Every structure is written in structure tokens, then in C-alpha cells.
Amino acid sequence: MNIAVNVQRAANQVAAEMLPGQAQIERWVRTALRGKYPDAQLTVRVVGYEESQKLNETYRHRRGPTNVLSFPFEHPEMVQPPLLGDVVICAPLVIKEAYDQGKETVAHWAHLVVHGVLHLIGYDHNNADEARAMEELERIIMMELQYPDPYANDEVA
């Protein structure tokens, strides 16, 4: 597999040791892609509250920062490049959520990377059926990564 993951770190509010490493992120991405995209390129951008809020308000028209955003690359119909798109993760929010939800921080990071990558390849949760299918796949992937069910204690995904 030739999967290229560009990791960008722009979360100045978070100490480097609180962030996952390149190898961890690449492992999570590869597992989420499940061999279906052997030649893939994507970016995982780790940001702070301000950038997350700006992107969330600009592209989703929702106030405040959010934990993960995905921006699938929209390619011309006749061309199938390996570029999948970008996943943007708000580092301070991930850490806060993990603490608030009693989750291991690394497991929450893994889940949000997986969740974002699944959005890049067409999964969504706009209705109950889509949400169930996506959550089930996330559970399977997280189990493969040897992390707990990310939805075990959640009421809403």
C-alpha cells in the first residue's frame, strides 16, 4: 500500500507530547481505509480552538469549534486521483472531551481520525441508518486497533 499521510500541527495551545505521533496517525488512517484505497493521499491537520471554530462556522455554518471536520477532495468525474482530502482535528477539544467522557486520550484521538477518514471515503451520519452503519464500522475498526468501543458511553454520536 502506498498511503501518504501529511500531518500538519498547528495547535499551539497543546504541548507536543499531548499529540499523537506521525506513525500512530498513519496506522489509524491505514486501518480506517481497510485496504480499499491502496494509493491514497490525505492530510490530517491538528489545530487549536480558533482555527476549528473558523472552519466550522465557514463550512458547516455552526458556531464554535468542533472536534473533527472532513473535507473530501472533489475530483472531476473522469479522474480518480489518489487524493482523498483533509481531516482537521481540534487538539484541545479532543483532550477535553476525552477527559470529560472518561476516555483514554489516545483512544479518542484514534476514533476521531478514523471518523474523519470514513467521512473522506463517503460515510456519513445524516440519518439514523447511515449513523448506525458508520458507527458499526467505527466500532470494528477501533476493535482492530485494540481500543474500546468509542460509543459505549455516548448517547449521541
N, C-alpha and C. Protein backbone atom coordinates (compact mmCIF):
# COMPACT_ATOMS: atom_id res chain seq x y z
N MET A 1 0.85 -1.19 0.00
CA MET A 1 0.00 0.00 0.00
C MET A 1 0.88 1.24 0.00
N ASN A 2 0.46 2.21 -0.78
CA ASN A 2 1.18 3.46 -0.88
C ASN A 2 0.28 4.58 -0.37
N ILE A 3 0.13 4.67 0.95
CA ILE A 3 -0.73 5.67 1.55
C ILE A 3 0.16 6.76 2.14
N ALA A 4 -0.03 7.97 1.66
CA ALA A 4 0.74 9.11 2.14
C ALA A 4 -0.14 9.98 3.03
N VAL A 5 0.31 10.15 4.26
CA VAL A 5 -0.43 10.96 5.22
C VAL A 5 0.43 12.16 5.59
N ASN A 6 -0.03 13.33 5.23
CA ASN A 6 0.65 14.56 5.59
C ASN A 6 0.04 15.05 6.91
N VAL A 7 0.83 15.06 7.97
CA VAL A 7 0.35 15.53 9.27
C VAL A 7 0.85 16.95 9.48
N GLN A 8 -0.09 17.86 9.69
CA GLN A 8 0.23 19.26 9.96
C GLN A 8 -0.15 19.57 11.40
N ARG A 9 0.74 20.20 12.13
CA ARG A 9 0.48 20.53 13.53
C ARG A 9 0.41 22.05 13.69
N ALA A 10 -0.79 22.54 13.99
CA ALA A 10 -0.99 23.99 14.16
C ALA A 10 -1.73 24.29 15.45
N ALA A 11 -1.62 23.39 16.43
CA ALA A 11 -2.31 23.57 17.71
C ALA A 11 -1.33 24.07 18.74
N ASN A 12 -1.15 25.38 18.79
CA ASN A 12 -0.16 25.97 19.68
C ASN A 12 -0.52 25.87 21.16
N GLN A 13 -1.81 25.68 21.47
CA GLN A 13 -2.24 25.63 22.86
C GLN A 13 -1.94 24.30 23.53
N VAL A 14 -1.50 23.31 22.77
CA VAL A 14 -1.33 21.95 23.28
C VAL A 14 0.14 21.55 23.18
N ALA A 15 0.68 21.03 24.26
CA ALA A 15 2.06 20.56 24.27
C ALA A 15 2.22 19.39 23.31
N ALA A 16 3.36 19.34 22.64
CA ALA A 16 3.62 18.31 21.63
C ALA A 16 3.44 16.90 22.17
N GLU A 17 3.79 16.68 23.43
CA GLU A 17 3.67 15.32 23.99
C GLU A 17 2.21 14.91 24.21
N MET A 18 1.28 15.83 24.07
CA MET A 18 -0.15 15.52 24.19
C MET A 18 -0.75 15.11 22.85
N LEU A 19 0.04 15.23 21.78
CA LEU A 19 -0.45 14.94 20.44
C LEU A 19 0.05 13.58 19.97
N PRO A 20 -0.74 12.88 19.16
CA PRO A 20 -0.26 11.60 18.61
C PRO A 20 0.86 11.83 17.61
N GLY A 21 1.71 10.84 17.47
CA GLY A 21 2.82 10.93 16.53
C GLY A 21 2.41 10.56 15.12
N GLN A 22 3.29 10.84 14.20
CA GLN A 22 3.07 10.54 12.78
C GLN A 22 2.74 9.06 12.58
N ALA A 23 3.52 8.18 13.19
CA ALA A 23 3.31 6.73 13.00
C ALA A 23 1.95 6.29 13.51
N GLN A 24 1.51 6.84 14.64
CA GLN A 24 0.19 6.50 15.18
C GLN A 24 -0.90 6.92 14.20
N ILE A 25 -0.83 8.15 13.75
CA ILE A 25 -1.85 8.67 12.83
C ILE A 25 -1.88 7.85 11.55
N GLU A 26 -0.71 7.52 11.00
CA GLU A 26 -0.66 6.71 9.79
C GLU A 26 -1.30 5.35 10.01
N ARG A 27 -1.05 4.73 11.15
CA ARG A 27 -1.66 3.42 11.47
C ARG A 27 -3.18 3.53 11.52
N TRP A 28 -3.69 4.57 12.16
CA TRP A 28 -5.14 4.75 12.25
C TRP A 28 -5.75 4.97 10.88
N VAL A 29 -5.09 5.77 10.04
CA VAL A 29 -5.58 6.03 8.69
C VAL A 29 -5.60 4.75 7.88
N ARG A 30 -4.51 4.00 7.89
CA ARG A 30 -4.42 2.75 7.11
C ARG A 30 -5.52 1.77 7.54
N THR A 31 -5.73 1.67 8.84
CA THR A 31 -6.74 0.74 9.33
C THR A 31 -8.14 1.20 8.91
N ALA A 32 -8.39 2.50 8.95
CA ALA A 32 -9.70 3.03 8.54
C ALA A 32 -9.95 2.79 7.06
N LEU A 33 -8.91 2.87 6.25
CA LEU A 33 -9.07 2.67 4.80
C LEU A 33 -9.26 1.20 4.45
N ARG A 34 -8.88 0.30 5.35
CA ARG A 34 -9.14 -1.13 5.24
C ARG A 34 -8.70 -1.73 3.90
N GLY A 35 -7.61 -1.23 3.34
CA GLY A 35 -7.08 -1.80 2.11
C GLY A 35 -7.84 -1.43 0.85
N LYS A 36 -8.90 -0.64 0.98
CA LYS A 36 -9.72 -0.30 -0.18
C LYS A 36 -9.14 0.84 -1.01
N TYR A 37 -8.19 1.55 -0.46
CA TYR A 37 -7.56 2.67 -1.14
C TYR A 37 -6.05 2.49 -1.03
N PRO A 38 -5.47 1.59 -1.83
CA PRO A 38 -4.05 1.28 -1.68
C PRO A 38 -3.12 2.44 -2.06
N ASP A 39 -3.59 3.33 -2.90
CA ASP A 39 -2.81 4.51 -3.28
C ASP A 39 -3.60 5.75 -2.89
N ALA A 40 -3.43 6.16 -1.66
CA ALA A 40 -4.22 7.29 -1.15
C ALA A 40 -3.30 8.36 -0.57
N GLN A 41 -3.77 9.59 -0.69
CA GLN A 41 -3.09 10.72 -0.08
C GLN A 41 -4.12 11.53 0.68
N LEU A 42 -3.74 11.95 1.88
CA LEU A 42 -4.62 12.81 2.65
C LEU A 42 -3.81 13.60 3.65
N THR A 43 -4.42 14.63 4.17
CA THR A 43 -3.80 15.46 5.20
C THR A 43 -4.62 15.35 6.47
N VAL A 44 -3.92 15.22 7.59
CA VAL A 44 -4.53 15.32 8.91
C VAL A 44 -3.93 16.58 9.53
N ARG A 45 -4.76 17.58 9.73
CA ARG A 45 -4.30 18.86 10.29
C ARG A 45 -4.80 18.96 11.72
N VAL A 46 -3.89 19.13 12.65
CA VAL A 46 -4.20 19.26 14.07
C VAL A 46 -4.17 20.74 14.41
N VAL A 47 -5.31 21.26 14.84
CA VAL A 47 -5.47 22.71 15.04
C VAL A 47 -5.92 23.03 16.46
N GLY A 48 -5.95 24.32 16.74
CA GLY A 48 -6.47 24.82 18.01
C GLY A 48 -7.92 25.24 17.89
N TYR A 49 -8.44 25.79 18.98
CA TYR A 49 -9.84 26.20 19.02
C TYR A 49 -10.18 27.22 17.93
N GLU A 50 -9.32 28.23 17.76
CA GLU A 50 -9.64 29.33 16.85
C GLU A 50 -9.81 28.86 15.40
N GLU A 51 -8.86 28.06 14.92
CA GLU A 51 -8.95 27.58 13.54
C GLU A 51 -10.14 26.64 13.36
N SER A 52 -10.37 25.78 14.34
CA SER A 52 -11.50 24.87 14.27
C SER A 52 -12.82 25.64 14.22
N GLN A 53 -12.92 26.65 15.06
CA GLN A 53 -14.14 27.47 15.08
C GLN A 53 -14.35 28.17 13.75
N LYS A 54 -13.30 28.74 13.20
CA LYS A 54 -13.40 29.46 11.93
C LYS A 54 -13.85 28.50 10.81
N LEU A 55 -13.24 27.33 10.74
CA LEU A 55 -13.62 26.35 9.71
C LEU A 55 -15.05 25.85 9.91
N ASN A 56 -15.43 25.57 11.15
CA ASN A 56 -16.77 25.07 11.44
C ASN A 56 -17.83 26.10 11.06
N GLU A 57 -17.56 27.36 11.38
CA GLU A 57 -18.53 28.41 11.07
C GLU A 57 -18.58 28.68 9.56
N THR A 58 -17.43 28.63 8.90
CA THR A 58 -17.38 28.91 7.46
C THR A 58 -18.01 27.81 6.63
N TYR A 59 -17.69 26.55 6.95
CA TYR A 59 -18.10 25.44 6.08
C TYR A 59 -19.32 24.66 6.57
N ARG A 60 -19.58 24.66 7.87
CA ARG A 60 -20.76 23.94 8.38
C ARG A 60 -21.82 24.90 8.89
N HIS A 61 -21.49 26.17 8.96
CA HIS A 61 -22.40 27.20 9.44
C HIS A 61 -22.89 26.91 10.86
N ARG A 62 -21.95 26.39 11.68
CA ARG A 62 -22.24 26.10 13.09
C ARG A 62 -21.26 26.87 13.95
N ARG A 63 -21.76 27.43 15.03
CA ARG A 63 -20.93 28.25 15.92
C ARG A 63 -20.00 27.39 16.75
N GLY A 64 -18.84 27.92 16.99
CA GLY A 64 -17.87 27.30 17.89
C GLY A 64 -17.01 26.24 17.23
N PRO A 65 -16.00 25.80 17.96
CA PRO A 65 -15.11 24.75 17.43
C PRO A 65 -15.81 23.40 17.45
N THR A 66 -15.28 22.46 16.69
CA THR A 66 -15.78 21.10 16.68
C THR A 66 -14.58 20.16 16.72
N ASN A 67 -14.81 18.92 17.15
CA ASN A 67 -13.68 18.01 17.33
C ASN A 67 -13.04 17.56 16.02
N VAL A 68 -13.85 17.28 14.99
CA VAL A 68 -13.28 16.82 13.72
C VAL A 68 -14.11 17.33 12.55
N LEU A 69 -13.41 17.73 11.51
CA LEU A 69 -14.03 18.13 10.25
C LEU A 69 -13.34 17.37 9.13
N SER A 70 -14.10 17.02 8.13
CA SER A 70 -13.53 16.34 6.95
C SER A 70 -13.88 17.12 5.71
N PHE A 71 -12.89 17.23 4.84
CA PHE A 71 -13.06 17.94 3.58
C PHE A 71 -12.65 17.00 2.45
N PRO A 72 -13.59 16.19 1.96
CA PRO A 72 -13.26 15.28 0.85
C PRO A 72 -12.86 16.08 -0.39
N PHE A 73 -11.86 15.56 -1.10
CA PHE A 73 -11.44 16.18 -2.35
C PHE A 73 -12.48 15.86 -3.41
N GLU A 74 -12.97 16.88 -4.07
CA GLU A 74 -13.97 16.70 -5.12
C GLU A 74 -13.24 16.72 -6.46
N HIS A 75 -13.07 15.54 -7.01
CA HIS A 75 -12.33 15.41 -8.26
C HIS A 75 -13.29 15.32 -9.44
N PRO A 76 -12.80 15.68 -10.62
CA PRO A 76 -13.63 15.54 -11.82
C PRO A 76 -14.04 14.08 -12.00
N GLU A 77 -15.22 13.85 -12.52
CA GLU A 77 -15.78 12.51 -12.65
C GLU A 77 -14.89 11.54 -13.40
N MET A 78 -14.22 12.01 -14.41
CA MET A 78 -13.40 11.13 -15.24
C MET A 78 -12.03 10.82 -14.64
N VAL A 79 -11.68 11.53 -13.58
CA VAL A 79 -10.35 11.38 -12.98
C VAL A 79 -10.49 10.82 -11.57
N GLN A 80 -9.72 9.82 -11.26
CA GLN A 80 -9.75 9.22 -9.93
C GLN A 80 -8.36 9.34 -9.30
N PRO A 81 -7.99 10.54 -8.83
CA PRO A 81 -6.67 10.68 -8.23
C PRO A 81 -6.64 10.03 -6.84
N PRO A 82 -5.45 9.79 -6.35
CA PRO A 82 -5.37 9.18 -5.03
C PRO A 82 -5.66 10.15 -3.89
N LEU A 83 -5.83 11.44 -4.19
CA LEU A 83 -6.06 12.43 -3.15
C LEU A 83 -7.47 12.27 -2.57
N LEU A 84 -7.54 11.96 -1.27
CA LEU A 84 -8.84 11.78 -0.61
C LEU A 84 -9.36 13.08 -0.01
N GLY A 85 -8.48 13.92 0.54
CA GLY A 85 -8.92 15.18 1.13
C GLY A 85 -8.20 15.45 2.44
N ASP A 86 -8.86 16.26 3.28
CA ASP A 86 -8.26 16.71 4.54
C ASP A 86 -9.17 16.38 5.72
N VAL A 87 -8.53 16.00 6.82
CA VAL A 87 -9.20 15.83 8.10
C VAL A 87 -8.60 16.86 9.04
N VAL A 88 -9.45 17.64 9.70
CA VAL A 88 -8.99 18.67 10.63
C VAL A 88 -9.50 18.30 12.01
N ILE A 89 -8.56 18.22 12.96
CA ILE A 89 -8.91 17.81 14.32
C ILE A 89 -8.48 18.89 15.31
N CYS A 90 -9.39 19.27 16.19
CA CYS A 90 -9.14 20.30 17.19
C CYS A 90 -8.52 19.66 18.44
N ALA A 91 -7.21 19.81 18.58
CA ALA A 91 -6.46 19.15 19.65
C ALA A 91 -6.97 19.46 21.06
N PRO A 92 -7.14 20.73 21.43
CA PRO A 92 -7.58 20.97 22.81
C PRO A 92 -8.98 20.41 23.09
N LEU A 93 -9.83 20.39 22.08
CA LEU A 93 -11.17 19.84 22.26
C LEU A 93 -11.13 18.32 22.40
N VAL A 94 -10.27 17.66 21.64
CA VAL A 94 -10.11 16.21 21.76
C VAL A 94 -9.68 15.85 23.18
N ILE A 95 -8.70 16.56 23.69
CA ILE A 95 -8.18 16.28 25.03
C ILE A 95 -9.26 16.55 26.08
N LYS A 96 -9.98 17.66 25.94
CA LYS A 96 -11.06 17.99 26.89
C LYS A 96 -12.17 16.94 26.85
N GLU A 97 -12.59 16.55 25.64
CA GLU A 97 -13.65 15.55 25.51
C GLU A 97 -13.22 14.22 26.13
N ALA A 98 -12.01 13.80 25.88
CA ALA A 98 -11.53 12.53 26.43
C ALA A 98 -11.61 12.58 27.96
N TYR A 99 -11.15 13.67 28.53
CA TYR A 99 -11.20 13.82 29.99
C TYR A 99 -12.64 13.84 30.49
N ASP A 100 -13.48 14.67 29.87
CA ASP A 100 -14.89 14.80 30.28
C ASP A 100 -15.65 13.49 30.15
N GLN A 101 -15.32 12.68 29.14
CA GLN A 101 -16.03 11.43 28.88
C GLN A 101 -15.36 10.22 29.53
N GLY A 102 -14.28 10.45 30.24
CA GLY A 102 -13.58 9.35 30.91
C GLY A 102 -12.95 8.37 29.94
N LYS A 103 -12.49 8.88 28.80
CA LYS A 103 -11.88 8.03 27.78
C LYS A 103 -10.37 8.21 27.80
N GLU A 104 -9.65 7.16 27.38
CA GLU A 104 -8.22 7.28 27.21
C GLU A 104 -7.99 8.25 26.04
N THR A 105 -7.14 9.23 26.24
CA THR A 105 -6.93 10.27 25.23
C THR A 105 -6.50 9.69 23.89
N VAL A 106 -5.58 8.74 23.90
CA VAL A 106 -5.10 8.17 22.63
C VAL A 106 -6.23 7.44 21.90
N ALA A 107 -7.12 6.81 22.63
CA ALA A 107 -8.25 6.13 22.00
C ALA A 107 -9.20 7.13 21.36
N HIS A 108 -9.40 8.27 22.02
CA HIS A 108 -10.28 9.30 21.45
C HIS A 108 -9.65 9.90 20.20
N TRP A 109 -8.33 10.13 20.24
CA TRP A 109 -7.63 10.60 19.04
C TRP A 109 -7.84 9.61 17.90
N ALA A 110 -7.60 8.33 18.18
CA ALA A 110 -7.74 7.30 17.15
C ALA A 110 -9.15 7.32 16.56
N HIS A 111 -10.15 7.41 17.44
CA HIS A 111 -11.53 7.40 16.97
C HIS A 111 -11.81 8.58 16.06
N LEU A 112 -11.35 9.76 16.42
CA LEU A 112 -11.65 10.93 15.60
C LEU A 112 -10.91 10.90 14.27
N VAL A 113 -9.71 10.35 14.24
CA VAL A 113 -9.01 10.18 12.96
C VAL A 113 -9.79 9.19 12.09
N VAL A 114 -10.18 8.06 12.66
CA VAL A 114 -10.96 7.06 11.93
C VAL A 114 -12.26 7.68 11.42
N HIS A 115 -12.96 8.38 12.29
CA HIS A 115 -14.23 9.01 11.94
C HIS A 115 -14.04 9.98 10.76
N GLY A 116 -13.02 10.81 10.86
CA GLY A 116 -12.75 11.77 9.79
C GLY A 116 -12.40 11.10 8.47
N VAL A 117 -11.60 10.06 8.53
CA VAL A 117 -11.22 9.34 7.30
C VAL A 117 -12.44 8.67 6.68
N LEU A 118 -13.31 8.10 7.49
CA LEU A 118 -14.52 7.48 6.94
C LEU A 118 -15.38 8.51 6.21
N HIS A 119 -15.43 9.73 6.73
CA HIS A 119 -16.15 10.79 6.01
C HIS A 119 -15.50 11.05 4.65
N LEU A 120 -14.17 11.02 4.61
CA LEU A 120 -13.48 11.27 3.33
C LEU A 120 -13.84 10.25 2.27
N ILE A 121 -14.13 9.02 2.70
CA ILE A 121 -14.40 7.97 1.71
C ILE A 121 -15.89 7.69 1.54
N GLY A 122 -16.72 8.64 2.01
CA GLY A 122 -18.14 8.58 1.68
C GLY A 122 -19.10 8.19 2.77
N TYR A 123 -18.63 7.86 3.94
CA TYR A 123 -19.55 7.52 5.03
C TYR A 123 -20.07 8.80 5.67
N ASP A 124 -21.29 8.72 6.18
CA ASP A 124 -21.89 9.89 6.84
C ASP A 124 -22.87 9.43 7.90
N HIS A 125 -23.42 10.39 8.61
CA HIS A 125 -24.40 10.08 9.66
C HIS A 125 -25.52 11.11 9.65
N ASN A 126 -26.03 11.38 8.43
CA ASN A 126 -27.11 12.36 8.27
C ASN A 126 -28.47 11.82 8.67
N ASN A 127 -28.61 10.50 8.74
CA ASN A 127 -29.87 9.91 9.19
C ASN A 127 -29.54 8.69 10.05
N ALA A 128 -30.55 8.11 10.66
CA ALA A 128 -30.34 7.01 11.62
C ALA A 128 -29.67 5.79 10.97
N ASP A 129 -30.08 5.44 9.76
CA ASP A 129 -29.48 4.27 9.10
C ASP A 129 -28.01 4.49 8.79
N GLU A 130 -27.68 5.67 8.24
CA GLU A 130 -26.29 5.99 7.95
C GLU A 130 -25.46 6.01 9.24
N ALA A 131 -26.02 6.59 10.29
CA ALA A 131 -25.30 6.69 11.56
C ALA A 131 -25.01 5.30 12.12
N ARG A 132 -26.00 4.41 12.08
CA ARG A 132 -25.79 3.04 12.59
C ARG A 132 -24.68 2.33 11.80
N ALA A 133 -24.73 2.46 10.48
CA ALA A 133 -23.72 1.79 9.64
C ALA A 133 -22.32 2.35 9.90
N MET A 134 -22.23 3.66 9.99
CA MET A 134 -20.93 4.28 10.23
C MET A 134 -20.40 3.93 11.61
N GLU A 135 -21.25 4.00 12.62
CA GLU A 135 -20.83 3.68 13.98
C GLU A 135 -20.39 2.22 14.09
N GLU A 136 -21.09 1.32 13.42
CA GLU A 136 -20.70 -0.10 13.47
C GLU A 136 -19.33 -0.30 12.84
N LEU A 137 -19.08 0.35 11.72
CA LEU A 137 -17.76 0.25 11.10
C LEU A 137 -16.69 0.86 12.00
N GLU A 138 -16.99 1.98 12.64
CA GLU A 138 -16.05 2.58 13.58
C GLU A 138 -15.74 1.63 14.73
N ARG A 139 -16.74 0.97 15.24
CA ARG A 139 -16.52 0.00 16.33
C ARG A 139 -15.59 -1.13 15.88
N ILE A 140 -15.82 -1.65 14.68
CA ILE A 140 -14.99 -2.73 14.15
C ILE A 140 -13.54 -2.27 13.99
N ILE A 141 -13.37 -1.09 13.41
CA ILE A 141 -12.01 -0.56 13.19
C ILE A 141 -11.32 -0.31 14.53
N MET A 142 -12.04 0.25 15.48
CA MET A 142 -11.44 0.51 16.79
C MET A 142 -11.06 -0.80 17.48
N MET A 143 -11.86 -1.82 17.30
CA MET A 143 -11.52 -3.13 17.87
C MET A 143 -10.25 -3.66 17.21
N GLU A 144 -10.15 -3.52 15.90
CA GLU A 144 -8.94 -3.94 15.18
C GLU A 144 -7.71 -3.20 15.71
N LEU A 145 -7.90 -1.95 16.07
CA LEU A 145 -6.80 -1.14 16.62
C LEU A 145 -6.57 -1.41 18.11
N GLN A 146 -7.42 -2.26 18.68
CA GLN A 146 -7.35 -2.64 20.09
C GLN A 146 -7.68 -1.49 21.04
N TYR A 147 -8.69 -0.71 20.65
CA TYR A 147 -9.22 0.35 21.50
C TYR A 147 -10.66 -0.01 21.83
N PRO A 148 -11.19 0.55 22.92
CA PRO A 148 -12.58 0.24 23.30
C PRO A 148 -13.61 0.86 22.35
N ASP A 149 -14.82 0.39 22.44
CA ASP A 149 -15.95 0.90 21.68
C ASP A 149 -16.08 2.40 21.97
N PRO A 150 -15.94 3.24 20.96
CA PRO A 150 -15.99 4.67 21.21
C PRO A 150 -17.39 5.18 21.57
N TYR A 151 -18.41 4.36 21.33
CA TYR A 151 -19.76 4.77 21.59
C TYR A 151 -20.35 4.11 22.83
N ALA A 152 -19.56 3.40 23.58
CA ALA A 152 -20.06 2.64 24.73
C ALA A 152 -20.79 3.51 25.74
N ASN A 153 -20.33 4.74 25.95
CA ASN A 153 -20.96 5.59 26.95
C ASN A 153 -21.62 6.83 26.36
N ASP A 154 -21.70 6.91 25.02
CA ASP A 154 -22.29 8.06 24.36
C ASP A 154 -23.78 7.87 24.14
N GLU A 155 -24.49 8.99 24.27
CA GLU A 155 -25.90 8.97 23.91
C GLU A 155 -26.08 9.45 22.48
N VAL A 156 -25.20 10.34 22.03
CA VAL A 156 -25.27 10.88 20.68
C VAL A 156 -23.88 10.79 20.08
N ALA A 157 -23.81 10.36 18.83
CA ALA A 157 -22.52 10.27 18.14
C ALA A 157 -22.10 11.62 17.62
